[in-house]
Amino acid sequence: TEGTALSMLKLIKQSIMDGGLGGKLGA
């Protein structure tokens, strides 16, 4: 449970960083 929570937060952050300007503005 701990690992899944941390991994999901990291995945969301990485997806935002890879999403360009639009992703960052949305975030």
mmCIF file of all heavy atoms, coordinates in Angstrom:
data_MODEL
# 
_entry.id   MODEL 
# 
loop_
_atom_site.group_PDB 
_atom_site.id 
_atom_site.type_symbol 
_atom_site.label_atom_id 
_atom_site.label_alt_id 
_atom_site.label_comp_id 
_atom_site.label_asym_id 
_atom_site.label_entity_id 
_atom_site.label_seq_id 
_atom_site.pdbx_PDB_ins_code 
_atom_site.Cartn_x 
_atom_site.Cartn_y 
_atom_site.Cartn_z 
_atom_site.occupancy 
_atom_site.B_iso_or_equiv 
_atom_site.pdbx_formal_charge 
_atom_site.auth_seq_id 
_atom_site.auth_comp_id 
_atom_site.auth_asym_id 
_atom_site.auth_atom_id 
_atom_site.pdbx_PDB_model_num 
ATOM 1   N N   . THR A 1 1  ? 0.836  -1.207 0.000   1.00 0.00 ? 1  THR A N   1 
ATOM 2   C CA  . THR A 1 1  ? 0.000  0.000  0.000   1.00 0.00 ? 1  THR A CA  1 
ATOM 3   C C   . THR A 1 1  ? 0.867  1.252  0.000   1.00 0.00 ? 1  THR A C   1 
ATOM 4   O O   . THR A 1 1  ? 0.626  2.193  -0.773  1.00 0.00 ? 1  THR A O   1 
ATOM 5   C CB  . THR A 1 1  ? -0.923 0.010  1.232   1.00 0.00 ? 1  THR A CB  1 
ATOM 6   O OG1 . THR A 1 1  ? -1.738 -1.166 1.215   1.00 0.00 ? 1  THR A OG1 1 
ATOM 7   C CG2 . THR A 1 1  ? -1.815 1.239  1.240   1.00 0.00 ? 1  THR A CG2 1 
ATOM 8   N N   . GLU A 1 2  ? 1.898  1.268  0.853   1.00 0.00 ? 2  GLU A N   1 
ATOM 9   C CA  . GLU A 1 2  ? 2.812  2.409  0.898   1.00 0.00 ? 2  GLU A CA  1 
ATOM 10  C C   . GLU A 1 2  ? 3.509  2.600  -0.445  1.00 0.00 ? 2  GLU A C   1 
ATOM 11  O O   . GLU A 1 2  ? 3.592  3.716  -0.971  1.00 0.00 ? 2  GLU A O   1 
ATOM 12  C CB  . GLU A 1 2  ? 3.872  2.189  1.987   1.00 0.00 ? 2  GLU A CB  1 
ATOM 13  C CG  . GLU A 1 2  ? 3.326  2.184  3.399   1.00 0.00 ? 2  GLU A CG  1 
ATOM 14  C CD  . GLU A 1 2  ? 4.399  1.807  4.409   1.00 0.00 ? 2  GLU A CD  1 
ATOM 15  O OE1 . GLU A 1 2  ? 5.482  1.336  3.987   1.00 0.00 ? 2  GLU A OE1 1 
ATOM 16  O OE2 . GLU A 1 2  ? 4.169  1.977  5.613   1.00 0.00 ? 2  GLU A OE2 1 
ATOM 17  N N   . GLY A 1 3  ? 4.023  1.486  -1.007  1.00 0.00 ? 3  GLY A N   1 
ATOM 18  C CA  . GLY A 1 3  ? 4.751  1.559  -2.267  1.00 0.00 ? 3  GLY A CA  1 
ATOM 19  C C   . GLY A 1 3  ? 3.885  2.011  -3.426  1.00 0.00 ? 3  GLY A C   1 
ATOM 20  O O   . GLY A 1 3  ? 4.318  2.808  -4.272  1.00 0.00 ? 3  GLY A O   1 
ATOM 21  N N   . THR A 1 4  ? 2.648  1.514  -3.471  1.00 0.00 ? 4  THR A N   1 
ATOM 22  C CA  . THR A 1 4  ? 1.734  1.908  -4.540  1.00 0.00 ? 4  THR A CA  1 
ATOM 23  C C   . THR A 1 4  ? 1.414  3.395  -4.468  1.00 0.00 ? 4  THR A C   1 
ATOM 24  O O   . THR A 1 4  ? 1.403  4.094  -5.499  1.00 0.00 ? 4  THR A O   1 
ATOM 25  C CB  . THR A 1 4  ? 0.437  1.092  -4.461  1.00 0.00 ? 4  THR A CB  1 
ATOM 26  O OG1 . THR A 1 4  ? 0.740  -0.306 -4.593  1.00 0.00 ? 4  THR A OG1 1 
ATOM 27  C CG2 . THR A 1 4  ? -0.534 1.501  -5.558  1.00 0.00 ? 4  THR A CG2 1 
ATOM 28  N N   . ALA A 1 5  ? 1.171  3.899  -3.271  1.00 0.00 ? 5  ALA A N   1 
ATOM 29  C CA  . ALA A 1 5  ? 0.869  5.325  -3.104  1.00 0.00 ? 5  ALA A CA  1 
ATOM 30  C C   . ALA A 1 5  ? 2.028  6.193  -3.571  1.00 0.00 ? 5  ALA A C   1 
ATOM 31  O O   . ALA A 1 5  ? 1.840  7.170  -4.313  1.00 0.00 ? 5  ALA A O   1 
ATOM 32  C CB  . ALA A 1 5  ? 0.543  5.612  -1.639  1.00 0.00 ? 5  ALA A CB  1 
ATOM 33  N N   . LEU A 1 6  ? 3.247  5.828  -3.157  1.00 0.00 ? 6  LEU A N   1 
ATOM 34  C CA  . LEU A 1 6  ? 4.422  6.603  -3.564  1.00 0.00 ? 6  LEU A CA  1 
ATOM 35  C C   . LEU A 1 6  ? 4.654  6.523  -5.070  1.00 0.00 ? 6  LEU A C   1 
ATOM 36  O O   . LEU A 1 6  ? 4.974  7.526  -5.715  1.00 0.00 ? 6  LEU A O   1 
ATOM 37  C CB  . LEU A 1 6  ? 5.657  6.103  -2.816  1.00 0.00 ? 6  LEU A CB  1 
ATOM 38  C CG  . LEU A 1 6  ? 5.699  6.382  -1.310  1.00 0.00 ? 6  LEU A CG  1 
ATOM 39  C CD1 . LEU A 1 6  ? 6.884  5.661  -0.675  1.00 0.00 ? 6  LEU A CD1 1 
ATOM 40  C CD2 . LEU A 1 6  ? 5.786  7.882  -1.043  1.00 0.00 ? 6  LEU A CD2 1 
ATOM 41  N N   . SER A 1 7  ? 4.469  5.330  -5.631  1.00 0.00 ? 7  SER A N   1 
ATOM 42  C CA  . SER A 1 7  ? 4.672  5.156  -7.073  1.00 0.00 ? 7  SER A CA  1 
ATOM 43  C C   . SER A 1 7  ? 3.659  5.947  -7.887  1.00 0.00 ? 7  SER A C   1 
ATOM 44  O O   . SER A 1 7  ? 4.002  6.541  -8.925  1.00 0.00 ? 7  SER A O   1 
ATOM 45  C CB  . SER A 1 7  ? 4.587  3.668  -7.438  1.00 0.00 ? 7  SER A CB  1 
ATOM 46  O OG  . SER A 1 7  ? 5.626  2.937  -6.822  1.00 0.00 ? 7  SER A OG  1 
ATOM 47  N N   . MET A 1 8  ? 2.406  5.977  -7.449  1.00 0.00 ? 8  MET A N   1 
ATOM 48  C CA  . MET A 1 8  ? 1.378  6.732  -8.163  1.00 0.00 ? 8  MET A CA  1 
ATOM 49  C C   . MET A 1 8  ? 1.669  8.233  -8.137  1.00 0.00 ? 8  MET A C   1 
ATOM 50  O O   . MET A 1 8  ? 1.516  8.924  -9.144  1.00 0.00 ? 8  MET A O   1 
ATOM 51  C CB  . MET A 1 8  ? 0.007  6.453  -7.541  1.00 0.00 ? 8  MET A CB  1 
ATOM 52  C CG  . MET A 1 8  ? -0.534 5.075  -7.842  1.00 0.00 ? 8  MET A CG  1 
ATOM 53  S SD  . MET A 1 8  ? -0.714 4.766  -9.612  1.00 0.00 ? 8  MET A SD  1 
ATOM 54  C CE  . MET A 1 8  ? -1.919 6.024  -10.059 1.00 0.00 ? 8  MET A CE  1 
ATOM 55  N N   . LEU A 1 9  ? 2.114  8.735  -6.998  1.00 0.00 ? 9  LEU A N   1 
ATOM 56  C CA  . LEU A 1 9  ? 2.444  10.157 -6.909  1.00 0.00 ? 9  LEU A CA  1 
ATOM 57  C C   . LEU A 1 9  ? 3.617  10.500 -7.829  1.00 0.00 ? 9  LEU A C   1 
ATOM 58  O O   . LEU A 1 9  ? 3.616  11.544 -8.496  1.00 0.00 ? 9  LEU A O   1 
ATOM 59  C CB  . LEU A 1 9  ? 2.769  10.528 -5.460  1.00 0.00 ? 9  LEU A CB  1 
ATOM 60  C CG  . LEU A 1 9  ? 1.589  10.525 -4.486  1.00 0.00 ? 9  LEU A CG  1 
ATOM 61  C CD1 . LEU A 1 9  ? 2.073  10.729 -3.053  1.00 0.00 ? 9  LEU A CD1 1 
ATOM 62  C CD2 . LEU A 1 9  ? 0.575  11.606 -4.854  1.00 0.00 ? 9  LEU A CD2 1 
ATOM 63  N N   . LYS A 1 10 ? 4.618  9.611  -7.866  1.00 0.00 ? 10 LYS A N   1 
ATOM 64  C CA  . LYS A 1 10 ? 5.763  9.829  -8.763  1.00 0.00 ? 10 LYS A CA  1 
ATOM 65  C C   . LYS A 1 10 ? 5.344  9.756  -10.226 1.00 0.00 ? 10 LYS A C   1 
ATOM 66  O O   . LYS A 1 10 ? 5.827  10.532 -11.065 1.00 0.00 ? 10 LYS A O   1 
ATOM 67  C CB  . LYS A 1 10 ? 6.850  8.787  -8.471  1.00 0.00 ? 10 LYS A CB  1 
ATOM 68  C CG  . LYS A 1 10 ? 7.566  8.989  -7.148  1.00 0.00 ? 10 LYS A CG  1 
ATOM 69  C CD  . LYS A 1 10 ? 8.603  7.905  -6.921  1.00 0.00 ? 10 LYS A CD  1 
ATOM 70  C CE  . LYS A 1 10 ? 9.312  8.103  -5.578  1.00 0.00 ? 10 LYS A CE  1 
ATOM 71  N NZ  . LYS A 1 10 ? 10.311 7.015  -5.319  1.00 0.00 ? 10 LYS A NZ  1 
ATOM 72  N N   . LEU A 1 11 ? 4.436  8.826  -10.542 1.00 0.00 ? 11 LEU A N   1 
ATOM 73  C CA  . LEU A 1 11 ? 3.959  8.673  -11.916 1.00 0.00 ? 11 LEU A CA  1 
ATOM 74  C C   . LEU A 1 11 ? 3.212  9.920  -12.373 1.00 0.00 ? 11 LEU A C   1 
ATOM 75  O O   . LEU A 1 11 ? 3.403  10.406 -13.503 1.00 0.00 ? 11 LEU A O   1 
ATOM 76  C CB  . LEU A 1 11 ? 3.051  7.449  -12.018 1.00 0.00 ? 11 LEU A CB  1 
ATOM 77  C CG  . LEU A 1 11 ? 2.431  7.167  -13.388 1.00 0.00 ? 11 LEU A CG  1 
ATOM 78  C CD1 . LEU A 1 11 ? 3.517  6.905  -14.421 1.00 0.00 ? 11 LEU A CD1 1 
ATOM 79  C CD2 . LEU A 1 11 ? 1.481  5.971  -13.314 1.00 0.00 ? 11 LEU A CD2 1 
ATOM 80  N N   . ILE A 1 12 ? 2.363  10.448 -11.495 1.00 0.00 ? 12 ILE A N   1 
ATOM 81  C CA  . ILE A 1 12 ? 1.622  11.664 -11.830 1.00 0.00 ? 12 ILE A CA  1 
ATOM 82  C C   . ILE A 1 12 ? 2.587  12.825 -12.075 1.00 0.00 ? 12 ILE A C   1 
ATOM 83  O O   . ILE A 1 12 ? 2.455  13.583 -13.050 1.00 0.00 ? 12 ILE A O   1 
ATOM 84  C CB  . ILE A 1 12 ? 0.627  12.009 -10.708 1.00 0.00 ? 12 ILE A CB  1 
ATOM 85  C CG1 . ILE A 1 12 ? -0.488 10.963 -10.655 1.00 0.00 ? 12 ILE A CG1 1 
ATOM 86  C CG2 . ILE A 1 12 ? 0.026  13.399 -10.918 1.00 0.00 ? 12 ILE A CG2 1 
ATOM 87  C CD1 . ILE A 1 12 ? -1.394 11.082 -9.448  1.00 0.00 ? 12 ILE A CD1 1 
ATOM 88  N N   . LYS A 1 13 ? 3.575  12.961 -11.191 1.00 0.00 ? 13 LYS A N   1 
ATOM 89  C CA  . LYS A 1 13 ? 4.546  14.048 -11.329 1.00 0.00 ? 13 LYS A CA  1 
ATOM 90  C C   . LYS A 1 13 ? 5.339  13.926 -12.615 1.00 0.00 ? 13 LYS A C   1 
ATOM 91  O O   . LYS A 1 13 ? 5.543  14.920 -13.335 1.00 0.00 ? 13 LYS A O   1 
ATOM 92  C CB  . LYS A 1 13 ? 5.496  14.041 -10.128 1.00 0.00 ? 13 LYS A CB  1 
ATOM 93  C CG  . LYS A 1 13 ? 6.499  15.180 -10.142 1.00 0.00 ? 13 LYS A CG  1 
ATOM 94  C CD  . LYS A 1 13 ? 7.379  15.161 -8.896  1.00 0.00 ? 13 LYS A CD  1 
ATOM 95  C CE  . LYS A 1 13 ? 8.384  16.316 -8.923  1.00 0.00 ? 13 LYS A CE  1 
ATOM 96  N NZ  . LYS A 1 13 ? 9.244  16.315 -7.707  1.00 0.00 ? 13 LYS A NZ  1 
ATOM 97  N N   . GLN A 1 14 ? 5.780  12.701 -12.930 1.00 0.00 ? 14 GLN A N   1 
ATOM 98  C CA  . GLN A 1 14 ? 6.560  12.492 -14.144 1.00 0.00 ? 14 GLN A CA  1 
ATOM 99  C C   . GLN A 1 14 ? 5.727  12.753 -15.397 1.00 0.00 ? 14 GLN A C   1 
ATOM 100 O O   . GLN A 1 14 ? 6.215  13.331 -16.375 1.00 0.00 ? 14 GLN A O   1 
ATOM 101 C CB  . GLN A 1 14 ? 7.104  11.062 -14.174 1.00 0.00 ? 14 GLN A CB  1 
ATOM 102 C CG  . GLN A 1 14 ? 8.087  10.790 -15.304 1.00 0.00 ? 14 GLN A CG  1 
ATOM 103 C CD  . GLN A 1 14 ? 9.314  11.666 -15.226 1.00 0.00 ? 14 GLN A CD  1 
ATOM 104 O OE1 . GLN A 1 14 ? 9.938  11.783 -14.185 1.00 0.00 ? 14 GLN A OE1 1 
ATOM 105 N NE2 . GLN A 1 14 ? 9.653  12.332 -16.345 1.00 0.00 ? 14 GLN A NE2 1 
ATOM 106 N N   . SER A 1 15 ? 4.449  12.334 -15.370 1.00 0.00 ? 15 SER A N   1 
ATOM 107 C CA  . SER A 1 15 ? 3.563  12.564 -16.507 1.00 0.00 ? 15 SER A CA  1 
ATOM 108 C C   . SER A 1 15 ? 3.357  14.059 -16.748 1.00 0.00 ? 15 SER A C   1 
ATOM 109 O O   . SER A 1 15 ? 3.289  14.520 -17.893 1.00 0.00 ? 15 SER A O   1 
ATOM 110 C CB  . SER A 1 15 ? 2.219  11.881 -16.279 1.00 0.00 ? 15 SER A CB  1 
ATOM 111 O OG  . SER A 1 15 ? 2.377  10.479 -16.168 1.00 0.00 ? 15 SER A OG  1 
ATOM 112 N N   . ILE A 1 16 ? 3.272  14.815 -15.669 1.00 0.00 ? 16 ILE A N   1 
ATOM 113 C CA  . ILE A 1 16 ? 3.115  16.272 -15.778 1.00 0.00 ? 16 ILE A CA  1 
ATOM 114 C C   . ILE A 1 16 ? 4.369  16.893 -16.394 1.00 0.00 ? 16 ILE A C   1 
ATOM 115 O O   . ILE A 1 16 ? 4.293  17.730 -17.297 1.00 0.00 ? 16 ILE A O   1 
ATOM 116 C CB  . ILE A 1 16 ? 2.835  16.884 -14.397 1.00 0.00 ? 16 ILE A CB  1 
ATOM 117 C CG1 . ILE A 1 16 ? 1.437  16.488 -13.924 1.00 0.00 ? 16 ILE A CG1 1 
ATOM 118 C CG2 . ILE A 1 16 ? 2.962  18.412 -14.445 1.00 0.00 ? 16 ILE A CG2 1 
ATOM 119 C CD1 . ILE A 1 16 ? 1.164  16.846 -12.479 1.00 0.00 ? 16 ILE A CD1 1 
ATOM 120 N N   . MET A 1 17 ? 5.546  16.452 -15.925 1.00 0.00 ? 17 MET A N   1 
ATOM 121 C CA  . MET A 1 17 ? 6.801  17.006 -16.431 1.00 0.00 ? 17 MET A CA  1 
ATOM 122 C C   . MET A 1 17 ? 7.011  16.664 -17.903 1.00 0.00 ? 17 MET A C   1 
ATOM 123 O O   . MET A 1 17 ? 7.613  17.439 -18.658 1.00 0.00 ? 17 MET A O   1 
ATOM 124 C CB  . MET A 1 17 ? 7.975  16.478 -15.601 1.00 0.00 ? 17 MET A CB  1 
ATOM 125 C CG  . MET A 1 17 ? 7.924  16.871 -14.127 1.00 0.00 ? 17 MET A CG  1 
ATOM 126 S SD  . MET A 1 17 ? 7.818  18.662 -13.852 1.00 0.00 ? 17 MET A SD  1 
ATOM 127 C CE  . MET A 1 17 ? 9.415  19.178 -14.502 1.00 0.00 ? 17 MET A CE  1 
ATOM 128 N N   . ASP A 1 18 ? 6.489  15.490 -18.313 1.00 0.00 ? 18 ASP A N   1 
ATOM 129 C CA  . ASP A 1 18 ? 6.633  15.081 -19.722 1.00 0.00 ? 18 ASP A CA  1 
ATOM 130 C C   . ASP A 1 18 ? 5.542  15.640 -20.609 1.00 0.00 ? 18 ASP A C   1 
ATOM 131 O O   . ASP A 1 18 ? 5.571  15.453 -21.830 1.00 0.00 ? 18 ASP A O   1 
ATOM 132 C CB  . ASP A 1 18 ? 6.613  13.547 -19.812 1.00 0.00 ? 18 ASP A CB  1 
ATOM 133 C CG  . ASP A 1 18 ? 7.829  12.913 -19.148 1.00 0.00 ? 18 ASP A CG  1 
ATOM 134 O OD1 . ASP A 1 18 ? 8.830  13.624 -18.934 1.00 0.00 ? 18 ASP A OD1 1 
ATOM 135 O OD2 . ASP A 1 18 ? 7.766  11.709 -18.833 1.00 0.00 ? 18 ASP A OD2 1 
ATOM 136 N N   . GLY A 1 19 ? 4.570  16.317 -20.015 1.00 0.00 ? 19 GLY A N   1 
ATOM 137 C CA  . GLY A 1 19 ? 3.412  16.780 -20.779 1.00 0.00 ? 19 GLY A CA  1 
ATOM 138 C C   . GLY A 1 19 ? 3.558  18.149 -21.414 1.00 0.00 ? 19 GLY A C   1 
ATOM 139 O O   . GLY A 1 19 ? 2.593  18.679 -21.975 1.00 0.00 ? 19 GLY A O   1 
ATOM 140 N N   . GLY A 1 20 ? 4.746  18.717 -21.321 1.00 0.00 ? 20 GLY A N   1 
ATOM 141 C CA  . GLY A 1 20 ? 4.962  20.026 -21.933 1.00 0.00 ? 20 GLY A CA  1 
ATOM 142 C C   . GLY A 1 20 ? 4.298  21.144 -21.157 1.00 0.00 ? 20 GLY A C   1 
ATOM 143 O O   . GLY A 1 20 ? 3.837  20.977 -20.022 1.00 0.00 ? 20 GLY A O   1 
ATOM 144 N N   . LEU A 1 21 ? 4.214  22.308 -21.837 1.00 0.00 ? 21 LEU A N   1 
ATOM 145 C CA  . LEU A 1 21 ? 3.671  23.502 -21.196 1.00 0.00 ? 21 LEU A CA  1 
ATOM 146 C C   . LEU A 1 21 ? 2.211  23.324 -20.791 1.00 0.00 ? 21 LEU A C   1 
ATOM 147 O O   . LEU A 1 21 ? 1.795  23.737 -19.698 1.00 0.00 ? 21 LEU A O   1 
ATOM 148 C CB  . LEU A 1 21 ? 3.820  24.708 -22.127 1.00 0.00 ? 21 LEU A CB  1 
ATOM 149 C CG  . LEU A 1 21 ? 3.300  26.048 -21.594 1.00 0.00 ? 21 LEU A CG  1 
ATOM 150 C CD1 . LEU A 1 21 ? 4.051  26.444 -20.330 1.00 0.00 ? 21 LEU A CD1 1 
ATOM 151 C CD2 . LEU A 1 21 ? 3.434  27.133 -22.659 1.00 0.00 ? 21 LEU A CD2 1 
ATOM 152 N N   . GLY A 1 22 ? 1.431  22.649 -21.652 1.00 0.00 ? 22 GLY A N   1 
ATOM 153 C CA  . GLY A 1 22 ? 0.021  22.451 -21.342 1.00 0.00 ? 22 GLY A CA  1 
ATOM 154 C C   . GLY A 1 22 ? -0.181 21.613 -20.096 1.00 0.00 ? 22 GLY A C   1 
ATOM 155 O O   . GLY A 1 22 ? -1.023 21.925 -19.246 1.00 0.00 ? 22 GLY A O   1 
ATOM 156 N N   . GLY A 1 23 ? 0.623  20.573 -19.973 1.00 0.00 ? 23 GLY A N   1 
ATOM 157 C CA  . GLY A 1 23 ? 0.520  19.721 -18.792 1.00 0.00 ? 23 GLY A CA  1 
ATOM 158 C C   . GLY A 1 23 ? 0.887  20.460 -17.525 1.00 0.00 ? 23 GLY A C   1 
ATOM 159 O O   . GLY A 1 23 ? 0.246  20.298 -16.484 1.00 0.00 ? 23 GLY A O   1 
ATOM 160 N N   . LYS A 1 24 ? 1.917  21.289 -17.610 1.00 0.00 ? 24 LYS A N   1 
ATOM 161 C CA  . LYS A 1 24 ? 2.354  22.041 -16.432 1.00 0.00 ? 24 LYS A CA  1 
ATOM 162 C C   . LYS A 1 24 ? 1.331  23.094 -16.026 1.00 0.00 ? 24 LYS A C   1 
ATOM 163 O O   . LYS A 1 24 ? 1.090  23.328 -14.837 1.00 0.00 ? 24 LYS A O   1 
ATOM 164 C CB  . LYS A 1 24 ? 3.709  22.680 -16.700 1.00 0.00 ? 24 LYS A CB  1 
ATOM 165 C CG  . LYS A 1 24 ? 4.827  21.659 -16.854 1.00 0.00 ? 24 LYS A CG  1 
ATOM 166 C CD  . LYS A 1 24 ? 6.150  22.303 -17.217 1.00 0.00 ? 24 LYS A CD  1 
ATOM 167 C CE  . LYS A 1 24 ? 7.226  21.233 -17.427 1.00 0.00 ? 24 LYS A CE  1 
ATOM 168 N NZ  . LYS A 1 24 ? 8.516  21.822 -17.842 1.00 0.00 ? 24 LYS A NZ  1 
ATOM 169 N N   . LEU A 1 25 ? 0.711  23.731 -17.029 1.00 0.00 ? 25 LEU A N   1 
ATOM 170 C CA  . LEU A 1 25 ? -0.329 24.719 -16.717 1.00 0.00 ? 25 LEU A CA  1 
ATOM 171 C C   . LEU A 1 25 ? -1.540 24.041 -16.072 1.00 0.00 ? 25 LEU A C   1 
ATOM 172 O O   . LEU A 1 25 ? -2.127 24.546 -15.108 1.00 0.00 ? 25 LEU A O   1 
ATOM 173 C CB  . LEU A 1 25 ? -0.747 25.462 -17.987 1.00 0.00 ? 25 LEU A CB  1 
ATOM 174 C CG  . LEU A 1 25 ? 0.270  26.445 -18.568 1.00 0.00 ? 25 LEU A CG  1 
ATOM 175 C CD1 . LEU A 1 25 ? -0.204 26.986 -19.909 1.00 0.00 ? 25 LEU A CD1 1 
ATOM 176 C CD2 . LEU A 1 25 ? 0.513  27.598 -17.584 1.00 0.00 ? 25 LEU A CD2 1 
ATOM 177 N N   . GLY A 1 26 ? -1.894 22.883 -16.608 1.00 0.00 ? 26 GLY A N   1 
ATOM 178 C CA  . GLY A 1 26 ? -3.012 22.145 -16.026 1.00 0.00 ? 26 GLY A CA  1 
ATOM 179 C C   . GLY A 1 26 ? -2.715 21.703 -14.612 1.00 0.00 ? 26 GLY A C   1 
ATOM 180 O O   . GLY A 1 26 ? -3.573 21.763 -13.724 1.00 0.00 ? 26 GLY A O   1 
ATOM 181 N N   . ALA A 1 27 ? -1.474 21.279 -14.390 1.00 0.00 ? 27 ALA A N   1 
ATOM 182 C CA  . ALA A 1 27 ? -1.078 20.856 -13.053 1.00 0.00 ? 27 ALA A CA  1 
ATOM 183 C C   . ALA A 1 27 ? -1.121 22.013 -12.071 1.00 0.00 ? 27 ALA A C   1 
ATOM 184 O O   . ALA A 1 27 ? -1.496 21.832 -10.905 1.00 0.00 ? 27 ALA A O   1 
ATOM 185 C CB  . ALA A 1 27 ? 0.324  20.268 -13.100 1.00 0.00 ? 27 ALA A CB  1 
# 
